[in-house]
C-alpha atoms as a PDB file:
ATOM      1  CA  MET A   1      22.576   9.735  11.740  1.00  0.00           C
ATOM      2  CA  ALA A   2      19.109   9.037  10.152  1.00  0.00           C
ATOM      3  CA  ARG A   3      21.187   7.303   7.314  1.00  0.00           C
ATOM      4  CA  LEU A   4      23.178   5.528   9.642  1.00  0.00           C
ATOM      5  CA  GLY A   5      20.102   4.022  11.600  1.00  0.00           C
ATOM      6  CA  ALA A   6      18.580   3.181   7.972  1.00  0.00           C
ATOM      7  CA  PHE A   7      21.661   1.446   7.103  1.00  0.00           C
ATOM      8  CA  ILE A   8      21.665  -0.550  10.382  1.00  0.00           C
ATOM      9  CA  ARG A   9      17.770  -1.848   9.877  1.00  0.00           C
ATOM     10  CA  GLY A  10      18.655  -2.727   6.518  1.00  0.00           C
ATOM     11  CA  ALA A  11      21.195  -4.849   7.278  1.00  0.00           C
ATOM     12  CA  PHE A  12      19.876  -6.536  10.474  1.00  0.00           C
ATOM     13  CA  GLY A  13      16.055  -5.641  10.915  1.00  0.00           C
ATOM     14  CA  VAL A  14      14.828  -6.268   7.655  1.00  0.00           C
ATOM     15  CA  PRO A  15      14.125  -9.615   6.236  1.00  0.00           C
ATOM     16  CA  LYS A  16      15.180 -11.067   2.506  1.00  0.00           C
ATOM     17  CA  ALA A  17      14.031  -9.861  -0.244  1.00  0.00           C
ATOM     18  CA  ASP A  18      11.707 -11.868  -2.042  1.00  0.00           C
ATOM     19  CA  PRO A  19      13.326 -13.528  -4.912  1.00  0.00           C
ATOM     20  CA  GLU A  20      10.346 -14.990  -6.559  1.00  0.00           C
ATOM     21  CA  ALA A  21       9.505 -11.103  -5.857  1.00  0.00           C
ATOM     22  CA  ILE A  22      12.822  -9.885  -7.632  1.00  0.00           C
ATOM     23  CA  ALA A  23      12.417 -12.298 -10.702  1.00  0.00           C
ATOM     24  CA  ARG A  24       8.940 -11.794 -11.579  1.00  0.00           C
ATOM     25  CA  ILE A  25       9.445  -7.964 -11.962  1.00  0.00           C
ATOM     26  CA  LYS A  26      13.269  -8.861 -14.088  1.00  0.00           C
ATOM     27  CA  ASP A  27      10.920 -11.004 -16.184  1.00  0.00           C
ATOM     28  CA  TRP A  28       8.391  -7.905 -16.768  1.00  0.00           C
ATOM     29  CA  ALA A  29      11.391  -5.200 -17.673  1.00  0.00           C
ATOM     30  CA  ARG A  30      12.541  -7.477 -20.201  1.00  0.00           C
ATOM     31  CA  ALA A  31       9.203  -8.627 -21.684  1.00  0.00           C
ATOM     32  CA  ALA A  32       8.279  -4.822 -21.629  1.00  0.00           C
ATOM     33  CA  LEU A  33      11.041  -3.848 -23.354  1.00  0.00           C
ATOM     34  CA  GLY A  34      12.119  -6.188 -26.020  1.00  0.00           C
ATOM     35  CA  GLY A  35      15.436  -6.707 -24.394  1.00  0.00           C
ATOM     36  CA  SER A  36      18.475  -8.387 -25.587  1.00  0.00           C
ATOM     37  CA  PRO A  37      19.547 -11.300 -23.299  1.00  0.00           C
ATOM     38  CA  ASP A  38      22.734  -9.007 -22.704  1.00  0.00           C
ATOM     39  CA  THR A  39      20.449  -6.773 -21.173  1.00  0.00           C
ATOM     40  CA  ALA A  40      20.828  -6.669 -16.972  1.00  0.00           C
ATOM     41  CA  PHE A  41      18.156  -5.627 -14.822  1.00  0.00           C
ATOM     42  CA  ALA A  42      18.972  -5.153 -10.729  1.00  0.00           C
ATOM     43  CA  VAL A  43      15.262  -5.234  -8.317  1.00  0.00           C
ATOM     44  CA  ASN A  44      16.093  -3.734  -5.157  1.00  0.00           C
ATOM     45  CA  GLU A  45      13.420  -2.373  -2.266  1.00  0.00           C
ATOM     46  CA  ILE A  46      14.613   0.628  -0.987  1.00  0.00           C
ATOM     47  CA  ALA A  47      13.417   2.308   2.659  1.00  0.00           C
ATOM     48  CA  CYS A  48      14.103   6.056   2.173  1.00  0.00           C
ATOM     49  CA  MET A  49      14.105   8.244   5.647  1.00  0.00           C
ATOM     50  CA  ASP A  50      14.112  11.788   3.466  1.00  0.00           C
ATOM     51  CA  PRO A  51      10.599  12.831   4.384  1.00  0.00           C
ATOM     52  CA  ALA A  52       9.811  13.841   0.876  1.00  0.00           C
ATOM     53  CA  CYS A  53      10.004   9.993  -0.450  1.00  0.00           C
ATOM     54  CA  PRO A  54       6.968   7.205  -0.018  1.00  0.00           C
ATOM     55  CA  GLY A  55       9.119   5.072   2.522  1.00  0.00           C
ATOM     56  CA  VAL A  56       9.684   2.356   0.553  1.00  0.00           C
ATOM     57  CA  GLU A  57      10.384   2.270  -3.410  1.00  0.00           C
ATOM     58  CA  THR A  58      11.385  -0.342  -5.469  1.00  0.00           C
ATOM     59  CA  VAL A  59      14.486   0.490  -8.069  1.00  0.00           C
ATOM     60  CA  ILE A  60      14.852  -0.885 -11.260  1.00  0.00           C
ATOM     61  CA  LEU A  61      18.112  -0.918 -13.163  1.00  0.00           C
ATOM     62  CA  VAL A  62      18.649  -1.286 -17.007  1.00  0.00           C
ATOM     63  CA  MET A  63      22.094  -1.978 -18.033  1.00  0.00           C
ATOM     64  CA  GLU A  64      22.285  -2.340 -21.323  1.00  0.00           C
ATOM     65  CA  PRO A  65      25.585  -2.629 -23.145  1.00  0.00           C
ATOM     66  CA  GLY A  66      26.841   0.205 -24.792  1.00  0.00           C
ATOM     67  CA  VAL A  67      24.384   2.464 -23.088  1.00  0.00           C
ATOM     68  CA  LYS A  68      23.960   4.532 -19.939  1.00  0.00           C
ATOM     69  CA  THR A  69      22.594   2.297 -17.139  1.00  0.00           C
ATOM     70  CA  ARG A  70      18.873   4.004 -16.029  1.00  0.00           C
ATOM     71  CA  ALA A  71      16.929   3.604 -13.081  1.00  0.00           C
ATOM     72  CA  CYS A  72      13.498   3.177 -12.733  1.00  0.00           C
ATOM     73  CA  LYS A  73      11.087   3.359  -9.444  1.00  0.00           C
ATOM     74  CA  VAL A  74       7.756   2.838  -8.859  1.00  0.00           C
ATOM     75  CA  ALA A  75       6.399   4.194  -5.031  1.00  0.00           C
ATOM     76  CA  LYS A  76       5.384   1.282  -3.807  1.00  0.00           C
ATOM     77  CA  GLY A  77       7.316  -2.090  -2.184  1.00  0.00           C
ATOM     78  CA  LEU A  78       8.308  -5.270  -4.133  1.00  0.00           C
ATOM     79  CA  ALA A  79       5.494  -7.642  -3.050  1.00  0.00           C
ATOM     80  CA  ASP A  80       2.816  -4.475  -4.227  1.00  0.00           C
ATOM     81  CA  VAL A  81       4.355  -4.008  -7.609  1.00  0.00           C
ATOM     82  CA  THR A  82       2.255  -4.910 -10.460  1.00  0.00           C
ATOM     83  CA  GLN A  83       3.021  -5.212 -14.386  1.00  0.00           C
ATOM     84  CA  ASP A  84       1.547  -2.126 -14.994  1.00  0.00           C
ATOM     85  CA  ASP A  85       3.700  -0.598 -12.410  1.00  0.00           C
ATOM     86  CA  ILE A  86       6.938  -1.931 -14.645  1.00  0.00           C
ATOM     87  CA  LEU A  87       5.322  -0.340 -18.064  1.00  0.00           C
ATOM     88  CA  GLU A  88       4.275   3.637 -16.125  1.00  0.00           C
ATOM     89  CA  ALA A  89       7.971   3.050 -14.648  1.00  0.00           C
ATOM     90  CA  LEU A  90      10.054   2.083 -17.589  1.00  0.00           C
ATOM     91  CA  ALA A  91       7.796   4.988 -19.599  1.00  0.00           C
ATOM     92  CA  SER A  92       8.946   7.248 -18.177  1.00  0.00           C
END
């Protein structure tokens, strides 16, 4: 039931993510990886209800042609993510 509550809040109670923050994070990730133009990135802020989670985290999916998609996580909301956070997340 807690997951359903998180879905409902996520769908109806949380404002849309800042497109400028998402673009900034994608740019930092692309620069850090030296990625080709064919590499795609998805950036999402996720609220986790599990007590083991940090509460809110930013997840960056890196989708390179011919390579398995990988997820990198930063234990911060979108607005608080720094370029150093991205470098650290992509290195691990």
